[in-house]
Amino acid sequence: MTFQTDLLAAIDTYFDAIHFCDTEKLNAVFHPQSSLFDADNGTVFVEPIDSFSRDVAGRVSPASTGQPLEAEVLLIDFLSPISATVKIRIRAHQSIFVDHLGFVLGADGWQIVSKIWHLESTVEAAE
């Protein structure tokens, strides 16, 4: 595998972790000291990965409701052969998010060291 293929595999792991609420995959793809950031409410919200992982573990997964995986890579910007910023769009239930994921390549492969997310839109629930 090339480093690009390995990065795409890590992105797919992230997509699966969110879609299936799979904390094993989530904890594998996020660096243990990573944090997540959001400012949609006008103030910066910071959440360590441990807290986010607990939140994900308590959710109903989109997969369990029959929702197909809706996720796409919008941009990959390699800062170096061992670091990249990845912009993705993913749907979870009625929420559509755009995330900027900061990846680094270390001893455990490509891992997310930071995530900035934005709730881009919501869609109507299926009847």
C-alpha atoms as a PDB file:
ATOM      1  CA  MET A   1       0.000   0.000   0.000  1.00  0.00           C
ATOM      2  CA  THR A   2       1.088   3.541  -0.617  1.00  0.00           C
ATOM      3  CA  PHE A   3       0.707   6.270   1.954  1.00  0.00           C
ATOM      4  CA  GLN A   4      -2.221   7.683  -0.058  1.00  0.00           C
ATOM      5  CA  THR A   5      -3.999   4.311  -0.022  1.00  0.00           C
ATOM      6  CA  ASP A   6      -3.334   3.971   3.708  1.00  0.00           C
ATOM      7  CA  LEU A   7      -4.771   7.452   4.312  1.00  0.00           C
ATOM      8  CA  LEU A   8      -7.908   6.581   2.328  1.00  0.00           C
ATOM      9  CA  ALA A   9      -8.282   3.426   4.434  1.00  0.00           C
ATOM     10  CA  ALA A  10      -8.057   5.550   7.612  1.00  0.00           C
ATOM     11  CA  ILE A  11     -10.729   7.896   6.237  1.00  0.00           C
ATOM     12  CA  ASP A  12     -12.960   4.888   5.536  1.00  0.00           C
ATOM     13  CA  THR A  13     -12.383   3.737   9.117  1.00  0.00           C
ATOM     14  CA  TYR A  14     -13.589   7.158  10.299  1.00  0.00           C
ATOM     15  CA  PHE A  15     -16.675   6.926   8.068  1.00  0.00           C
ATOM     16  CA  ASP A  16     -17.497   3.453   9.432  1.00  0.00           C
ATOM     17  CA  ALA A  17     -16.863   4.540  13.037  1.00  0.00           C
ATOM     18  CA  ILE A  18     -19.425   7.344  12.715  1.00  0.00           C
ATOM     19  CA  HIS A  19     -21.959   5.360  10.663  1.00  0.00           C
ATOM     20  CA  PHE A  20     -21.905   2.292  12.916  1.00  0.00           C
ATOM     21  CA  CYS A  21     -21.083   4.152  16.184  1.00  0.00           C
ATOM     22  CA  ASP A  22     -18.122   1.794  16.426  1.00  0.00           C
ATOM     23  CA  THR A  23     -15.893   3.095  19.207  1.00  0.00           C
ATOM     24  CA  GLU A  24     -13.214   0.473  18.534  1.00  0.00           C
ATOM     25  CA  LYS A  25     -12.731   1.911  15.049  1.00  0.00           C
ATOM     26  CA  LEU A  26     -13.108   5.454  16.376  1.00  0.00           C
ATOM     27  CA  ASN A  27     -10.392   4.942  18.972  1.00  0.00           C
ATOM     28  CA  ALA A  28      -8.129   3.304  16.377  1.00  0.00           C
ATOM     29  CA  VAL A  29      -8.356   6.198  13.906  1.00  0.00           C
ATOM     30  CA  PHE A  30      -8.063   9.030  16.450  1.00  0.00           C
ATOM     31  CA  HIS A  31      -4.790   9.715  18.222  1.00  0.00           C
ATOM     32  CA  PRO A  32      -5.385   9.236  21.980  1.00  0.00           C
ATOM     33  CA  GLN A  33      -4.485  12.879  22.696  1.00  0.00           C
ATOM     34  CA  SER A  34      -6.596  14.371  19.894  1.00  0.00           C
ATOM     35  CA  SER A  35      -9.397  16.872  20.373  1.00  0.00           C
ATOM     36  CA  LEU A  36     -12.437  17.984  18.444  1.00  0.00           C
ATOM     37  CA  PHE A  37     -13.494  21.577  17.906  1.00  0.00           C
ATOM     38  CA  ASP A  38     -16.675  23.388  16.913  1.00  0.00           C
ATOM     39  CA  ALA A  39     -17.716  27.041  16.924  1.00  0.00           C
ATOM     40  CA  ASP A  40     -21.223  26.819  15.442  1.00  0.00           C
ATOM     41  CA  ASN A  41     -22.795  28.386  18.552  1.00  0.00           C
ATOM     42  CA  GLY A  42     -20.504  31.421  18.494  1.00  0.00           C
ATOM     43  CA  THR A  43     -17.998  30.131  21.027  1.00  0.00           C
ATOM     44  CA  VAL A  44     -15.223  27.584  20.651  1.00  0.00           C
ATOM     45  CA  PHE A  45     -16.240  24.172  21.971  1.00  0.00           C
ATOM     46  CA  VAL A  46     -13.417  21.700  22.616  1.00  0.00           C
ATOM     47  CA  GLU A  47     -13.981  18.010  23.288  1.00  0.00           C
ATOM     48  CA  PRO A  48     -11.186  15.504  23.989  1.00  0.00           C
ATOM     49  CA  ILE A  49     -11.422  12.231  22.068  1.00  0.00           C
ATOM     50  CA  ASP A  50     -12.243  10.248  25.233  1.00  0.00           C
ATOM     51  CA  SER A  51     -15.377  12.326  25.778  1.00  0.00           C
ATOM     52  CA  PHE A  52     -16.368  12.112  22.100  1.00  0.00           C
ATOM     53  CA  SER A  53     -15.881   8.339  22.143  1.00  0.00           C
ATOM     54  CA  ARG A  54     -18.238   8.016  25.132  1.00  0.00           C
ATOM     55  CA  ASP A  55     -20.795  10.199  23.300  1.00  0.00           C
ATOM     56  CA  VAL A  56     -20.592   8.018  20.181  1.00  0.00           C
ATOM     57  CA  ALA A  57     -20.958   4.840  22.275  1.00  0.00           C
ATOM     58  CA  GLY A  58     -24.296   6.135  23.602  1.00  0.00           C
ATOM     59  CA  ARG A  59     -25.786   7.017  20.223  1.00  0.00           C
ATOM     60  CA  VAL A  60     -28.170   5.106  18.009  1.00  0.00           C
ATOM     61  CA  SER A  61     -26.114   4.372  14.922  1.00  0.00           C
ATOM     62  CA  PRO A  62     -27.354   5.509  11.515  1.00  0.00           C
ATOM     63  CA  ALA A  63     -26.633   1.979  10.258  1.00  0.00           C
ATOM     64  CA  SER A  64     -28.984   0.417  12.827  1.00  0.00           C
ATOM     65  CA  THR A  65     -31.863   2.534  11.493  1.00  0.00           C
ATOM     66  CA  GLY A  66     -31.239   1.361   7.935  1.00  0.00           C
ATOM     67  CA  GLN A  67     -29.678   4.614   6.787  1.00  0.00           C
ATOM     68  CA  PRO A  68     -27.126   4.001   4.035  1.00  0.00           C
ATOM     69  CA  LEU A  69     -23.643   5.397   4.523  1.00  0.00           C
ATOM     70  CA  GLU A  70     -23.550   8.865   2.979  1.00  0.00           C
ATOM     71  CA  ALA A  71     -19.999  10.179   3.168  1.00  0.00           C
ATOM     72  CA  GLU A  72     -17.538  11.700   0.757  1.00  0.00           C
ATOM     73  CA  VAL A  73     -14.029  13.049   0.650  1.00  0.00           C
ATOM     74  CA  LEU A  74     -14.083  16.633  -0.585  1.00  0.00           C
ATOM     75  CA  LEU A  75     -10.371  17.451  -0.384  1.00  0.00           C
ATOM     76  CA  ILE A  76      -7.054  15.957   0.648  1.00  0.00           C
ATOM     77  CA  ASP A  77      -4.195  18.401   1.150  1.00  0.00           C
ATOM     78  CA  PHE A  78      -0.866  16.717   1.878  1.00  0.00           C
ATOM     79  CA  LEU A  79       1.242  19.042   3.982  1.00  0.00           C
ATOM     80  CA  SER A  80       4.070  16.494   3.830  1.00  0.00           C
ATOM     81  CA  PRO A  81       4.353  12.735   3.251  1.00  0.00           C
ATOM     82  CA  ILE A  82       3.334  12.228   6.905  1.00  0.00           C
ATOM     83  CA  SER A  83       0.669  14.895   7.447  1.00  0.00           C
ATOM     84  CA  ALA A  84      -2.535  15.837   5.672  1.00  0.00           C
ATOM     85  CA  THR A  85      -5.702  17.828   6.087  1.00  0.00           C
ATOM     86  CA  VAL A  86      -8.813  16.032   4.861  1.00  0.00           C
ATOM     87  CA  LYS A  87     -12.159  17.727   4.265  1.00  0.00           C
ATOM     88  CA  ILE A  88     -15.146  15.381   4.312  1.00  0.00           C
ATOM     89  CA  ARG A  89     -18.922  15.506   4.323  1.00  0.00           C
ATOM     90  CA  ILE A  90     -20.902  12.902   6.249  1.00  0.00           C
ATOM     91  CA  ARG A  91     -24.530  12.365   7.142  1.00  0.00           C
ATOM     92  CA  ALA A  92     -25.612  11.029  10.529  1.00  0.00           C
ATOM     93  CA  HIS A  93     -29.391  10.711  10.785  1.00  0.00           C
ATOM     94  CA  GLN A  94     -30.803  14.102   9.718  1.00  0.00           C
ATOM     95  CA  SER A  95     -27.545  16.011  10.243  1.00  0.00           C
ATOM     96  CA  ILE A  96     -25.033  16.668   7.497  1.00  0.00           C
ATOM     97  CA  PHE A  97     -21.596  17.631   8.756  1.00  0.00           C
ATOM     98  CA  VAL A  98     -18.501  18.986   7.068  1.00  0.00           C
ATOM     99  CA  ASP A  99     -15.339  18.073   8.935  1.00  0.00           C
ATOM    100  CA  HIS A 100     -11.717  19.103   8.583  1.00  0.00           C
ATOM    101  CA  LEU A 101      -9.634  16.205   9.866  1.00  0.00           C
ATOM    102  CA  GLY A 102      -5.945  16.685  10.635  1.00  0.00           C
ATOM    103  CA  PHE A 103      -4.114  13.389  10.018  1.00  0.00           C
ATOM    104  CA  VAL A 104      -0.541  12.418  10.855  1.00  0.00           C
ATOM    105  CA  LEU A 105       1.302   9.229   9.992  1.00  0.00           C
ATOM    106  CA  GLY A 106       2.945   7.680  13.035  1.00  0.00           C
ATOM    107  CA  ALA A 107       3.787   4.297  14.481  1.00  0.00           C
ATOM    108  CA  ASP A 108       0.076   3.359  14.541  1.00  0.00           C
ATOM    109  CA  GLY A 109      -0.554   4.449  10.941  1.00  0.00           C
ATOM    110  CA  TRP A 110      -2.603   7.456   9.851  1.00  0.00           C
ATOM    111  CA  GLN A 111      -4.470   8.929  12.812  1.00  0.00           C
ATOM    112  CA  ILE A 112      -6.648  11.977  13.308  1.00  0.00           C
ATOM    113  CA  VAL A 113      -4.989  14.469  15.645  1.00  0.00           C
ATOM    114  CA  SER A 114      -7.651  17.154  15.335  1.00  0.00           C
ATOM    115  CA  LYS A 115     -11.177  17.525  14.036  1.00  0.00           C
ATOM    116  CA  ILE A 116     -13.055  20.733  13.335  1.00  0.00           C
ATOM    117  CA  TRP A 117     -16.672  20.152  12.430  1.00  0.00           C
ATOM    118  CA  HIS A 118     -19.561  22.217  11.204  1.00  0.00           C
ATOM    119  CA  LEU A 119     -23.235  21.281  10.965  1.00  0.00           C
ATOM    120  CA  GLU A 120     -23.777  22.142   7.319  1.00  0.00           C
ATOM    121  CA  SER A 121     -27.493  21.331   7.112  1.00  0.00           C
ATOM    122  CA  THR A 122     -30.282  19.069   8.247  1.00  0.00           C
ATOM    123  CA  VAL A 123     -32.684  17.035   6.149  1.00  0.00           C
ATOM    124  CA  GLU A 124     -36.247  15.952   6.779  1.00  0.00           C
ATOM    125  CA  ALA A 125     -36.705  12.637   8.538  1.00  0.00           C
ATOM    126  CA  ALA A 126     -38.076   9.857   6.339  1.00  0.00           C
ATOM    127  CA  GLU A 127     -41.657   8.968   7.118  1.00  0.00           C
END
